[in-house]
Amino acid sequence: MNITAVESATLSVVGYDEAQGALQLGFRSGAVYRYFGAAVGVHAELLVAASKGSYFNRVIRKRFPYRLLVKPETGKRNGALRSEGAR
């Protein structure tokens, strides 16, 4: 997975695994989520979006199943898979 640091009030890092179609997002809160079924174009558009937080809310949030990898602020790892809209 290629991880890229981003300038955003919401996100700190963005990663993408093309083989799995998995988009991994690190949030400023410390939470890390992996979203499944995201096309490579979603990753590319997120990286160039003027507002990464707005793009996330409009295109990614509540649209892809996801797994919380690291809980916010605690840094504890979690592996539960959630369906779309469960966040």
C-alpha atoms as a PDB file:
ATOM      1  CA  MET A   1       0.000   0.000   0.000  1.00  0.00           C
ATOM      2  CA  ASN A   2       1.316   3.380  -1.029  1.00  0.00           C
ATOM      3  CA  ILE A   3       0.692   5.963   1.743  1.00  0.00           C
ATOM      4  CA  THR A   4       0.722   9.705   1.008  1.00  0.00           C
ATOM      5  CA  ALA A   5       0.705  12.511   3.593  1.00  0.00           C
ATOM      6  CA  VAL A   6      -1.913  15.122   2.683  1.00  0.00           C
ATOM      7  CA  GLU A   7      -2.691  18.707   3.645  1.00  0.00           C
ATOM      8  CA  SER A   8      -6.188  18.641   5.096  1.00  0.00           C
ATOM      9  CA  ALA A   9      -8.068  19.722   8.200  1.00  0.00           C
ATOM     10  CA  THR A  10      -9.718  16.272   8.238  1.00  0.00           C
ATOM     11  CA  LEU A  11      -7.207  13.758   6.862  1.00  0.00           C
ATOM     12  CA  SER A  12      -3.518  13.238   7.600  1.00  0.00           C
ATOM     13  CA  VAL A  13      -2.667  10.358   5.228  1.00  0.00           C
ATOM     14  CA  VAL A  14      -4.225   8.572   2.267  1.00  0.00           C
ATOM     15  CA  GLY A  15      -3.242   5.120   1.046  1.00  0.00           C
ATOM     16  CA  TYR A  16      -4.465   2.849  -1.712  1.00  0.00           C
ATOM     17  CA  ASP A  17      -4.018  -0.846  -2.459  1.00  0.00           C
ATOM     18  CA  GLU A  18      -5.008  -1.307  -6.109  1.00  0.00           C
ATOM     19  CA  ALA A  19      -4.981  -5.118  -5.924  1.00  0.00           C
ATOM     20  CA  GLN A  20      -7.605  -5.073  -3.155  1.00  0.00           C
ATOM     21  CA  GLY A  21      -9.404  -1.868  -4.137  1.00  0.00           C
ATOM     22  CA  ALA A  22      -8.796  -0.705  -0.574  1.00  0.00           C
ATOM     23  CA  LEU A  23      -8.558   2.960   0.328  1.00  0.00           C
ATOM     24  CA  GLN A  24      -6.946   3.618   3.705  1.00  0.00           C
ATOM     25  CA  LEU A  25      -7.521   6.976   5.373  1.00  0.00           C
ATOM     26  CA  GLY A  26      -5.771   8.351   8.431  1.00  0.00           C
ATOM     27  CA  PHE A  27      -7.751  11.094  10.137  1.00  0.00           C
ATOM     28  CA  ARG A  28      -6.413  13.986  12.224  1.00  0.00           C
ATOM     29  CA  SER A  29      -8.260  12.446  15.202  1.00  0.00           C
ATOM     30  CA  GLY A  30      -5.871   9.487  15.046  1.00  0.00           C
ATOM     31  CA  ALA A  31      -8.471   7.099  13.601  1.00  0.00           C
ATOM     32  CA  VAL A  32      -7.479   4.943  10.645  1.00  0.00           C
ATOM     33  CA  TYR A  33     -10.144   3.408   8.399  1.00  0.00           C
ATOM     34  CA  ARG A  34      -9.884   1.103   5.393  1.00  0.00           C
ATOM     35  CA  TYR A  35     -12.652   1.415   2.792  1.00  0.00           C
ATOM     36  CA  PHE A  36     -13.265  -1.496   0.410  1.00  0.00           C
ATOM     37  CA  GLY A  37     -14.372  -1.482  -3.238  1.00  0.00           C
ATOM     38  CA  ALA A  38     -13.042   1.986  -4.047  1.00  0.00           C
ATOM     39  CA  ALA A  39     -11.864   2.399  -7.643  1.00  0.00           C
ATOM     40  CA  VAL A  40      -8.410   3.798  -8.317  1.00  0.00           C
ATOM     41  CA  GLY A  41     -10.107   6.965  -9.607  1.00  0.00           C
ATOM     42  CA  VAL A  42     -11.554   7.680  -6.151  1.00  0.00           C
ATOM     43  CA  HIS A  43      -8.036   7.616  -4.707  1.00  0.00           C
ATOM     44  CA  ALA A  44      -6.670   9.857  -7.484  1.00  0.00           C
ATOM     45  CA  GLU A  45      -9.520  12.367  -7.153  1.00  0.00           C
ATOM     46  CA  LEU A  46      -9.148  12.487  -3.371  1.00  0.00           C
ATOM     47  CA  LEU A  47      -5.456  13.326  -3.664  1.00  0.00           C
ATOM     48  CA  VAL A  48      -6.130  16.329  -5.925  1.00  0.00           C
ATOM     49  CA  ALA A  49      -9.348  17.539  -4.266  1.00  0.00           C
ATOM     50  CA  ALA A  50      -9.215  21.137  -3.063  1.00  0.00           C
ATOM     51  CA  SER A  51     -11.030  20.018   0.102  1.00  0.00           C
ATOM     52  CA  LYS A  52     -10.239  16.436   1.025  1.00  0.00           C
ATOM     53  CA  GLY A  53     -12.769  16.468   3.857  1.00  0.00           C
ATOM     54  CA  SER A  54     -15.567  17.603   1.530  1.00  0.00           C
ATOM     55  CA  TYR A  55     -14.573  14.990  -1.054  1.00  0.00           C
ATOM     56  CA  PHE A  56     -14.571  12.303   1.641  1.00  0.00           C
ATOM     57  CA  ASN A  57     -18.048  13.308   2.831  1.00  0.00           C
ATOM     58  CA  ARG A  58     -19.465  13.551  -0.690  1.00  0.00           C
ATOM     59  CA  VAL A  59     -17.891  10.496  -2.382  1.00  0.00           C
ATOM     60  CA  ILE A  60     -16.568   8.022   0.206  1.00  0.00           C
ATOM     61  CA  ARG A  61     -18.440   8.287   3.486  1.00  0.00           C
ATOM     62  CA  LYS A  62     -21.526   6.049   3.678  1.00  0.00           C
ATOM     63  CA  ARG A  63     -20.774   4.588   0.234  1.00  0.00           C
ATOM     64  CA  PHE A  64     -18.226   1.832   0.886  1.00  0.00           C
ATOM     65  CA  PRO A  65     -17.938  -0.932   3.462  1.00  0.00           C
ATOM     66  CA  TYR A  66     -15.120  -0.157   5.858  1.00  0.00           C
ATOM     67  CA  ARG A  67     -13.064  -1.412   8.733  1.00  0.00           C
ATOM     68  CA  LEU A  68     -11.861   0.710  11.625  1.00  0.00           C
ATOM     69  CA  LEU A  69      -8.180  -0.170  11.998  1.00  0.00           C
ATOM     70  CA  VAL A  70      -7.189   2.263  14.755  1.00  0.00           C
ATOM     71  CA  LYS A  71      -9.644   3.886  17.140  1.00  0.00           C
ATOM     72  CA  PRO A  72      -9.526   7.692  17.388  1.00  0.00           C
ATOM     73  CA  GLU A  73      -7.387   9.219  20.139  1.00  0.00           C
ATOM     74  CA  THR A  74      -6.730   5.854  21.827  1.00  0.00           C
ATOM     75  CA  GLY A  75      -4.523   4.366  19.141  1.00  0.00           C
ATOM     76  CA  LYS A  76      -6.039   0.935  19.852  1.00  0.00           C
ATOM     77  CA  ARG A  77      -6.385  -1.433  16.911  1.00  0.00           C
ATOM     78  CA  ASN A  78      -9.780  -2.749  15.871  1.00  0.00           C
ATOM     79  CA  GLY A  79     -10.782  -5.175  13.123  1.00  0.00           C
ATOM     80  CA  ALA A  80     -14.579  -4.989  12.836  1.00  0.00           C
ATOM     81  CA  LEU A  81     -15.902  -4.707   9.284  1.00  0.00           C
ATOM     82  CA  ARG A  82     -18.823  -2.304   8.901  1.00  0.00           C
ATOM     83  CA  SER A  83     -21.246  -1.941   6.031  1.00  0.00           C
ATOM     84  CA  GLU A  84     -21.921   1.300   4.209  1.00  0.00           C
ATOM     85  CA  GLY A  85     -23.565   3.956   6.305  1.00  0.00           C
ATOM     86  CA  ALA A  86     -22.620   2.411   9.632  1.00  0.00           C
ATOM     87  CA  ARG A  87     -20.120   5.128  10.493  1.00  0.00           C
END
